[in-house]
Every structure is written in structure tokens, then in C-alpha cells.
PDB file of N, CA and C in Angstrom:
ATOM      1  N   UNK A   1     216.202  51.235  13.064  1.00  0.00           N
ATOM      2  CA  UNK A   1     216.849  50.921  14.637  1.00  0.00           C
ATOM      3  C   UNK A   1     215.514  50.678  15.179  1.00  0.00           C
ATOM      4  N   UNK A   2     215.941  49.934  16.108  1.00  0.00           N
ATOM      5  CA  UNK A   2     214.557  50.423  17.453  1.00  0.00           C
ATOM      6  C   UNK A   2     215.504  49.951  18.344  1.00  0.00           C
ATOM      7  N   UNK A   3     215.411  50.743  20.004  1.00  0.00           N
ATOM      8  CA  UNK A   3     215.859  49.951  20.893  1.00  0.00           C
ATOM      9  C   UNK A   3     214.803  49.815  22.143  1.00  0.00           C
ATOM     10  N   UNK A   4     214.522  48.316  22.762  1.00  0.00           N
ATOM     11  CA  UNK A   4     213.899  48.937  23.966  1.00  0.00           C
ATOM     12  C   UNK A   4     214.210  47.502  25.304  1.00  0.00           C
ATOM     13  N   UNK A   5     213.250  47.680  25.835  1.00  0.00           N
ATOM     14  CA  UNK A   5     213.506  47.164  27.257  1.00  0.00           C
ATOM     15  C   UNK A   5     211.973  45.962  27.104  1.00  0.00           C
ATOM     16  N   UNK A   6     212.691  44.984  28.321  1.00  0.00           N
ATOM     17  CA  UNK A   6     211.751  44.106  28.485  1.00  0.00           C
ATOM     18  C   UNK A   6     212.076  43.727  30.094  1.00  0.00           C
ATOM     19  N   UNK A   7     210.753  43.460  31.045  1.00  0.00           N
ATOM     20  CA  UNK A   7     210.672  43.631  32.258  1.00  0.00           C
ATOM     21  C   UNK A   7     210.592  41.403  32.577  1.00  0.00           C
ATOM     22  N   UNK A   8     211.869  41.254  33.198  1.00  0.00           N
ATOM     23  CA  UNK A   8     211.334  39.628  33.640  1.00  0.00           C
ATOM     24  C   UNK A   8     210.728  39.625  34.934  1.00  0.00           C
ATOM     25  N   UNK A   9     209.870  39.259  35.211  1.00  0.00           N
ATOM     26  CA  UNK A   9     209.470  39.408  36.349  1.00  0.00           C
ATOM     27  C   UNK A   9     209.559  37.938  37.107  1.00  0.00           C
ATOM     28  N   UNK A  10     210.538  36.696  37.094  1.00  0.00           N
ATOM     29  CA  UNK A  10     210.781  35.602  36.688  1.00  0.00           C
ATOM     30  C   UNK A  10     210.392  34.661  36.367  1.00  0.00           C
ATOM     31  N   UNK A  11     210.906  35.232  34.589  1.00  0.00           N
ATOM     32  CA  UNK A  11     210.351  34.619  33.800  1.00  0.00           C
ATOM     33  C   UNK A  11     211.417  34.042  32.951  1.00  0.00           C
ATOM     34  N   UNK A  12     211.852  33.071  32.405  1.00  0.00           N
ATOM     35  CA  UNK A  12     212.481  32.562  31.448  1.00  0.00           C
ATOM     36  C   UNK A  12     212.528  32.755  29.869  1.00  0.00           C
ATOM     37  N   UNK A  13     210.985  33.453  29.810  1.00  0.00           N
ATOM     38  CA  UNK A  13     211.086  33.321  28.486  1.00  0.00           C
ATOM     39  C   UNK A  13     209.547  34.292  28.287  1.00  0.00           C
ATOM     40  N   UNK A  14     210.288  35.470  26.870  1.00  0.00           N
ATOM     41  CA  UNK A  14     209.340  36.982  26.991  1.00  0.00           C
ATOM     42  C   UNK A  14     209.257  36.709  25.365  1.00  0.00           C
ATOM     43  N   UNK A  15     208.483  37.526  24.990  1.00  0.00           N
ATOM     44  CA  UNK A  15     208.041  38.069  23.665  1.00  0.00           C
ATOM     45  C   UNK A  15     207.787  39.588  23.719  1.00  0.00           C
ATOM     46  N   UNK A  16     208.464  40.058  22.164  1.00  0.00           N
ATOM     47  CA  UNK A  16     207.990  41.131  22.277  1.00  0.00           C
ATOM     48  C   UNK A  16     207.822  41.517  20.879  1.00  0.00           C
ATOM     49  N   UNK A  17     206.736  42.417  20.671  1.00  0.00           N
ATOM     50  CA  UNK A  17     206.927  43.205  19.437  1.00  0.00           C
ATOM     51  C   UNK A  17     207.502  44.636  19.563  1.00  0.00           C
ATOM     52  N   UNK A  18     207.706  45.249  17.989  1.00  0.00           N
ATOM     53  CA  UNK A  18     208.299  45.824  17.369  1.00  0.00           C
ATOM     54  C   UNK A  18     207.381  47.267  17.335  1.00  0.00           C
ATOM     55  N   UNK A  19     207.761  48.829  17.713  1.00  0.00           N
ATOM     56  CA  UNK A  19     207.005  49.374  17.693  1.00  0.00           C
ATOM     57  C   UNK A  19     206.492  49.802  16.380  1.00  0.00           C
ATOM     58  N   UNK A  20     207.604  49.651  15.547  1.00  0.00           N
ATOM     59  CA  UNK A  20     206.935  49.811  14.268  1.00  0.00           C
ATOM     60  C   UNK A  20     207.829  48.718  13.123  1.00  0.00           C
ATOM     61  N   UNK A  21     206.814  48.044  12.044  1.00  0.00           N
ATOM     62  CA  UNK A  21     207.527  47.106  12.101  1.00  0.00           C
ATOM     63  C   UNK A  21     208.721  46.836  10.572  1.00  0.00           C
ATOM     64  N   UNK A  22     209.451  46.203  10.612  1.00  0.00           N
ATOM     65  CA  UNK A  22     211.309  45.960  10.278  1.00  0.00           C
ATOM     66  C   UNK A  22     210.752  45.619   8.572  1.00  0.00           C
ATOM     67  N   UNK A  23     211.249  45.691   6.977  1.00  0.00           N
ATOM     68  CA  UNK A  23     210.700  45.766   5.995  1.00  0.00           C
ATOM     69  C   UNK A  23     210.142  43.882   5.719  1.00  0.00           C
ATOM     70  N   UNK A  24     209.854  43.151   5.429  1.00  0.00           N
ATOM     71  CA  UNK A  24     208.649  41.848   5.478  1.00  0.00           C
ATOM     72  C   UNK A  24     209.266  40.875   4.802  1.00  0.00           C
ATOM     73  N   UNK A  25     209.859  39.632   5.177  1.00  0.00           N
ATOM     74  CA  UNK A  25     210.024  38.831   4.321  1.00  0.00           C
ATOM     75  C   UNK A  25     209.719  38.939   2.350  1.00  0.00           C
ATOM     76  N   UNK A  26     210.441  38.634   1.622  1.00  0.00           N
ATOM     77  CA  UNK A  26     211.889  37.918   1.965  1.00  0.00           C
ATOM     78  C   UNK A  26     213.137  38.804   1.892  1.00  0.00           C
ATOM     79  N   UNK A  27     212.682  39.835   2.287  1.00  0.00           N
ATOM     80  CA  UNK A  27     213.628  41.375   3.316  1.00  0.00           C
ATOM     81  C   UNK A  27     214.388  40.152   4.551  1.00  0.00           C
ATOM     82  N   UNK A  28     215.692  40.228   4.683  1.00  0.00           N
ATOM     83  CA  UNK A  28     215.985  39.205   6.095  1.00  0.00           C
ATOM     84  C   UNK A  28     215.890  39.912   7.479  1.00  0.00           C
ATOM     85  N   UNK A  29     215.764  39.119   8.174  1.00  0.00           N
ATOM     86  CA  UNK A  29     214.896  39.726   9.529  1.00  0.00           C
ATOM     87  C   UNK A  29     215.989  41.173  10.121  1.00  0.00           C
ATOM     88  N   UNK A  30     215.760  41.859  11.321  1.00  0.00           N
ATOM     89  CA  UNK A  30     216.716  42.428  11.780  1.00  0.00           C
ATOM     90  C   UNK A  30     218.039  41.675  13.014  1.00  0.00           C
ATOM     91  N   UNK A  31     218.332  42.707  12.770  1.00  0.00           N
ATOM     92  CA  UNK A  31     219.624  41.553  13.573  1.00  0.00           C
ATOM     93  C   UNK A  31     219.339  42.122  14.935  1.00  0.00           C
ATOM     94  N   UNK A  32     219.340  41.613  16.512  1.00  0.00           N
ATOM     95  CA  UNK A  32     218.951  42.624  18.096  1.00  0.00           C
ATOM     96  C   UNK A  32     219.987  41.651  18.754  1.00  0.00           C
ATOM     97  N   UNK A  33     220.976  42.491  19.068  1.00  0.00           N
ATOM     98  CA  UNK A  33     221.436  42.346  20.428  1.00  0.00           C
ATOM     99  C   UNK A  33     220.800  42.483  21.983  1.00  0.00           C
ATOM    100  N   UNK A  34     221.063  41.570  22.918  1.00  0.00           N
ATOM    101  CA  UNK A  34     220.065  42.502  23.579  1.00  0.00           C
ATOM    102  C   UNK A  34     221.381  41.960  25.334  1.00  0.00           C
ATOM    103  N   UNK A  35     221.262  42.470  26.262  1.00  0.00           N
ATOM    104  CA  UNK A  35     221.814  41.694  27.711  1.00  0.00           C
ATOM    105  C   UNK A  35     220.957  42.439  28.677  1.00  0.00           C
ATOM    106  N   UNK A  36     221.269  41.115  29.841  1.00  0.00           N
ATOM    107  CA  UNK A  36     220.862  42.210  31.594  1.00  0.00           C
ATOM    108  C   UNK A  36     221.328  43.266  31.531  1.00  0.00           C
ATOM    109  N   UNK A  37     220.864  43.881  32.419  1.00  0.00           N
ATOM    110  CA  UNK A  37     220.950  44.734  33.455  1.00  0.00           C
ATOM    111  C   UNK A  37     221.189  44.783  34.332  1.00  0.00           C
ATOM    112  N   UNK A  38     220.862  43.662  35.055  1.00  0.00           N
ATOM    113  CA  UNK A  38     221.856  43.784  36.926  1.00  0.00           C
ATOM    114  C   UNK A  38     222.944  42.987  36.821  1.00  0.00           C
ATOM    115  N   UNK A  39     223.947  43.722  36.812  1.00  0.00           N
ATOM    116  CA  UNK A  39     225.178  42.874  37.379  1.00  0.00           C
ATOM    117  C   UNK A  39     225.082  42.187  37.774  1.00  0.00           C
ATOM    118  N   UNK A  40     224.431  42.448  39.160  1.00  0.00           N
ATOM    119  CA  UNK A  40     225.052  41.250  40.350  1.00  0.00           C
ATOM    120  C   UNK A  40     223.391  39.826  40.171  1.00  0.00           C
ATOM    121  N   UNK A  41     222.924  40.170  39.300  1.00  0.00           N
ATOM    122  CA  UNK A  41     222.341  38.518  38.919  1.00  0.00           C
ATOM    123  C   UNK A  41     222.564  38.816  38.070  1.00  0.00           C
ATOM    124  N   UNK A  42     223.600  38.361  36.594  1.00  0.00           N
ATOM    125  CA  UNK A  42     224.286  38.677  35.299  1.00  0.00           C
ATOM    126  C   UNK A  42     222.756  36.664  35.244  1.00  0.00           C
ATOM    127  N   UNK A  43     222.548  36.812  34.059  1.00  0.00           N
ATOM    128  CA  UNK A  43     222.245  35.854  32.958  1.00  0.00           C
ATOM    129  C   UNK A  43     222.797  35.603  32.048  1.00  0.00           C
ATOM    130  N   UNK A  44     222.658  34.655  31.209  1.00  0.00           N
ATOM    131  CA  UNK A  44     222.851  34.898  29.475  1.00  0.00           C
ATOM    132  C   UNK A  44     221.373  35.244  29.077  1.00  0.00           C
ATOM    133  N   UNK A  45     221.757  35.518  27.783  1.00  0.00           N
ATOM    134  CA  UNK A  45     220.592  36.561  27.588  1.00  0.00           C
ATOM    135  C   UNK A  45     220.615  35.740  25.560  1.00  0.00           C
ATOM    136  N   UNK A  46     219.210  35.799  25.376  1.00  0.00           N
ATOM    137  CA  UNK A  46     219.029  35.068  24.007  1.00  0.00           C
ATOM    138  C   UNK A  46     218.411  35.216  23.338  1.00  0.00           C
ATOM    139  N   UNK A  47     218.191  34.973  21.939  1.00  0.00           N
ATOM    140  CA  UNK A  47     217.183  35.955  20.982  1.00  0.00           C
ATOM    141  C   UNK A  47     216.366  35.265  19.199  1.00  0.00           C
ATOM    142  N   UNK A  48     215.272  34.826  19.792  1.00  0.00           N
ATOM    143  CA  UNK A  48     215.730  33.788  18.666  1.00  0.00           C
ATOM    144  C   UNK A  48     214.146  33.960  17.864  1.00  0.00           C
ATOM    145  N   UNK A  49     213.622  33.344  16.817  1.00  0.00           N
ATOM    146  CA  UNK A  49     212.238  33.500  16.428  1.00  0.00           C
ATOM    147  C   UNK A  49     212.267  34.836  16.155  1.00  0.00           C
ATOM    148  N   UNK A  50     213.827  36.048  15.484  1.00  0.00           N
ATOM    149  CA  UNK A  50     213.283  36.879  15.236  1.00  0.00           C
ATOM    150  C   UNK A  50     212.360  37.509  13.532  1.00  0.00           C
ATOM    151  N   UNK A  51     211.657  37.678  13.879  1.00  0.00           N
ATOM    152  CA  UNK A  51     210.684  38.446  12.355  1.00  0.00           C
ATOM    153  C   UNK A  51     210.991  39.875  12.119  1.00  0.00           C
ATOM    154  N   UNK A  52     210.005  40.470  11.488  1.00  0.00           N
ATOM    155  CA  UNK A  52     209.509  41.880  10.777  1.00  0.00           C
ATOM    156  C   UNK A  52     208.875  42.559  12.152  1.00  0.00           C
ATOM    157  N   UNK A  53     207.465  41.446  12.600  1.00  0.00           N
ATOM    158  CA  UNK A  53     207.002  41.870  13.663  1.00  0.00           C
ATOM    159  C   UNK A  53     207.651  42.188  15.735  1.00  0.00           C
ATOM    160  N   UNK A  54     209.013  41.181  15.517  1.00  0.00           N
ATOM    161  CA  UNK A  54     208.774  40.854  16.834  1.00  0.00           C
ATOM    162  C   UNK A  54     210.343  39.433  17.113  1.00  0.00           C
ATOM    163  N   UNK A  55     210.491  39.349  18.458  1.00  0.00           N
ATOM    164  CA  UNK A  55     210.929  38.645  18.601  1.00  0.00           C
ATOM    165  C   UNK A  55     210.651  37.571  20.215  1.00  0.00           C
ATOM    166  N   UNK A  56     211.627  37.079  19.931  1.00  0.00           N
ATOM    167  CA  UNK A  56     211.395  36.386  21.795  1.00  0.00           C
ATOM    168  C   UNK A  56     212.464  36.170  22.070  1.00  0.00           C
ATOM    169  N   UNK A  57     212.745  36.063  23.819  1.00  0.00           N
ATOM    170  CA  UNK A  57     214.145  36.415  24.434  1.00  0.00           C
ATOM    171  C   UNK A  57     214.057  35.174  25.408  1.00  0.00           C
ATOM    172  N   UNK A  58     215.016  34.902  25.828  1.00  0.00           N
ATOM    173  CA  UNK A  58     214.570  33.813  26.793  1.00  0.00           C
ATOM    174  C   UNK A  58     215.955  34.236  27.690  1.00  0.00           C
ATOM    175  N   UNK A  59     216.367  33.630  28.926  1.00  0.00           N
ATOM    176  CA  UNK A  59     217.155  34.330  29.734  1.00  0.00           C
ATOM    177  C   UNK A  59     217.667  32.990  30.432  1.00  0.00           C
ATOM    178  N   UNK A  60     218.943  31.672  31.582  1.00  0.00           N
ATOM    179  CA  UNK A  60     219.275  31.192  31.356  1.00  0.00           C
ATOM    180  C   UNK A  60     219.069  30.434  32.897  1.00  0.00           C
ATOM    181  N   UNK A  61     217.728  31.827  33.647  1.00  0.00           N
ATOM    182  CA  UNK A  61     216.810  31.241  34.808  1.00  0.00           C
ATOM    183  C   UNK A  61     216.454  32.808  35.458  1.00  0.00           C
ATOM    184  N   UNK A  62     215.306  31.993  36.416  1.00  0.00           N
ATOM    185  CA  UNK A  62     214.918  33.092  35.658  1.00  0.00           C
ATOM    186  C   UNK A  62     214.853  33.942  36.001  1.00  0.00           C
ATOM    187  N   UNK A  63     214.718  35.607  36.290  1.00  0.00           N
ATOM    188  CA  UNK A  63     215.624  36.237  36.372  1.00  0.00           C
ATOM    189  C   UNK A  63     214.150  37.471  35.934  1.00  0.00           C
ATOM    190  N   UNK A  64     214.238  38.447  37.157  1.00  0.00           N
ATOM    191  CA  UNK A  64     213.939  39.506  38.001  1.00  0.00           C
ATOM    192  C   UNK A  64     214.847  40.852  37.312  1.00  0.00           C
ATOM    193  N   UNK A  65     213.965  41.517  36.052  1.00  0.00           N
ATOM    194  CA  UNK A  65     214.883  42.541  35.938  1.00  0.00           C
ATOM    195  C   UNK A  65     214.681  43.137  34.573  1.00  0.00           C
ATOM    196  N   UNK A  66     215.495  43.675  33.970  1.00  0.00           N
ATOM    197  CA  UNK A  66     215.666  44.616  32.589  1.00  0.00           C
ATOM    198  C   UNK A  66     216.182  43.877  32.106  1.00  0.00           C
ATOM    199  N   UNK A  67     216.466  43.389  30.953  1.00  0.00           N
ATOM    200  CA  UNK A  67     216.583  42.819  29.125  1.00  0.00           C
ATOM    201  C   UNK A  67     216.407  44.725  28.618  1.00  0.00           C
ATOM    202  N   UNK A  68     216.855  44.585  27.580  1.00  0.00           N
ATOM    203  CA  UNK A  68     217.580  46.098  26.901  1.00  0.00           C
ATOM    204  C   UNK A  68     218.192  45.373  25.751  1.00  0.00           C
ATOM    205  N   UNK A  69     217.435  46.123  24.761  1.00  0.00           N
ATOM    206  CA  UNK A  69     217.642  44.933  23.119  1.00  0.00           C
ATOM    207  C   UNK A  69     217.984  46.795  22.065  1.00  0.00           C
ATOM    208  N   UNK A  70     219.023  45.744  21.216  1.00  0.00           N
ATOM    209  CA  UNK A  70     218.123  46.747  20.082  1.00  0.00           C
ATOM    210  C   UNK A  70     219.093  45.904  18.707  1.00  0.00           C
ATOM    211  N   UNK A  71     217.733  46.389  18.379  1.00  0.00           N
ATOM    212  CA  UNK A  71     217.425  46.309  16.828  1.00  0.00           C
ATOM    213  C   UNK A  71     217.958  47.579  16.222  1.00  0.00           C
ATOM    214  N   UNK A  72     218.633  46.509  14.230  1.00  0.00           N
ATOM    215  CA  UNK A  72     218.522  46.832  13.586  1.00  0.00           C
ATOM    216  C   UNK A  72     218.229  46.471  12.529  1.00  0.00           C
ATOM    217  N   UNK A  73     218.201  46.972  11.447  1.00  0.00           N
ATOM    218  CA  UNK A  73     218.223  46.439  10.028  1.00  0.00           C
ATOM    219  C   UNK A  73     218.762  47.688   8.707  1.00  0.00           C
ATOM    220  N   UNK A  74     219.934  46.185   8.381  1.00  0.00           N
ATOM    221  CA  UNK A  74     220.459  46.783   7.551  1.00  0.00           C
ATOM    222  C   UNK A  74     219.857  46.492   6.016  1.00  0.00           C
ATOM    223  N   UNK A  75     219.705  47.016   4.880  1.00  0.00           N
ATOM    224  CA  UNK A  75     219.599  46.714   3.448  1.00  0.00           C
ATOM    225  C   UNK A  75     221.101  46.030   3.009  1.00  0.00           C
ATOM    226  N   UNK A  76     220.453  45.030   2.022  1.00  0.00           N
ATOM    227  CA  UNK A  76     221.908  43.829   1.428  1.00  0.00           C
ATOM    228  C   UNK A  76     221.345  43.394   0.176  1.00  0.00           C
ATOM    229  N   UNK A  77     222.069  43.725  -0.512  1.00  0.00           N
ATOM    230  CA  UNK A  77     221.276  43.823  -2.122  1.00  0.00           C
ATOM    231  C   UNK A  77     222.047  42.321  -2.635  1.00  0.00           C
ATOM    232  N   UNK A  78     223.040  41.974  -1.616  1.00  0.00           N
ATOM    233  CA  UNK A  78     223.469  40.530  -1.881  1.00  0.00           C
ATOM    234  C   UNK A  78     223.642  39.781  -0.928  1.00  0.00           C
ATOM    235  N   UNK A  79     222.489  39.161  -0.040  1.00  0.00           N
ATOM    236  CA  UNK A  79     222.450  38.707   0.887  1.00  0.00           C
ATOM    237  C   UNK A  79     221.617  37.032   1.025  1.00  0.00           C
TER     238      UNK A  79
END
């Protein structure tokens, strides 16, 4: 499990890398949730291109503020 944040300065897209890599393929990538922290300028947050090394985050509008994320990997023998 890992948590982190990325700072948006008017962008709509950023990439980030994990401090420690998750298990490599053929294992499944970690599951990531993310949300913006500014309730007055809320944006929809989408996480995509998830790998064992990192992911990309996009927001619906140019955004100035933090997006926090939480990544978790659960071993799954039947996946």
C-alpha cells in the first residue's frame, strides 16, 4: 500500500511514480483511488495507465491544487 499526492498548477494531466514498485506483470496492477482536496474548485479525477511503477492522473478542468491518491495491491490467486 502507498499513499501520495500530486500538485496541479493549471494542468489537466500529470504522471507519478511509486516510491516502491508493486509486483511486476503478469500480476495485476495496484488499485488506485484519487480525489482533489479543494472543495471550492472540485474537479473529477481519473486514474489511468496504471502499472507496477506508477500511473497517470487527469482532471476535468485546469486545476490548481492537490490530488491525493491511495494505491493498494492485493494478492489474488484466482484473478
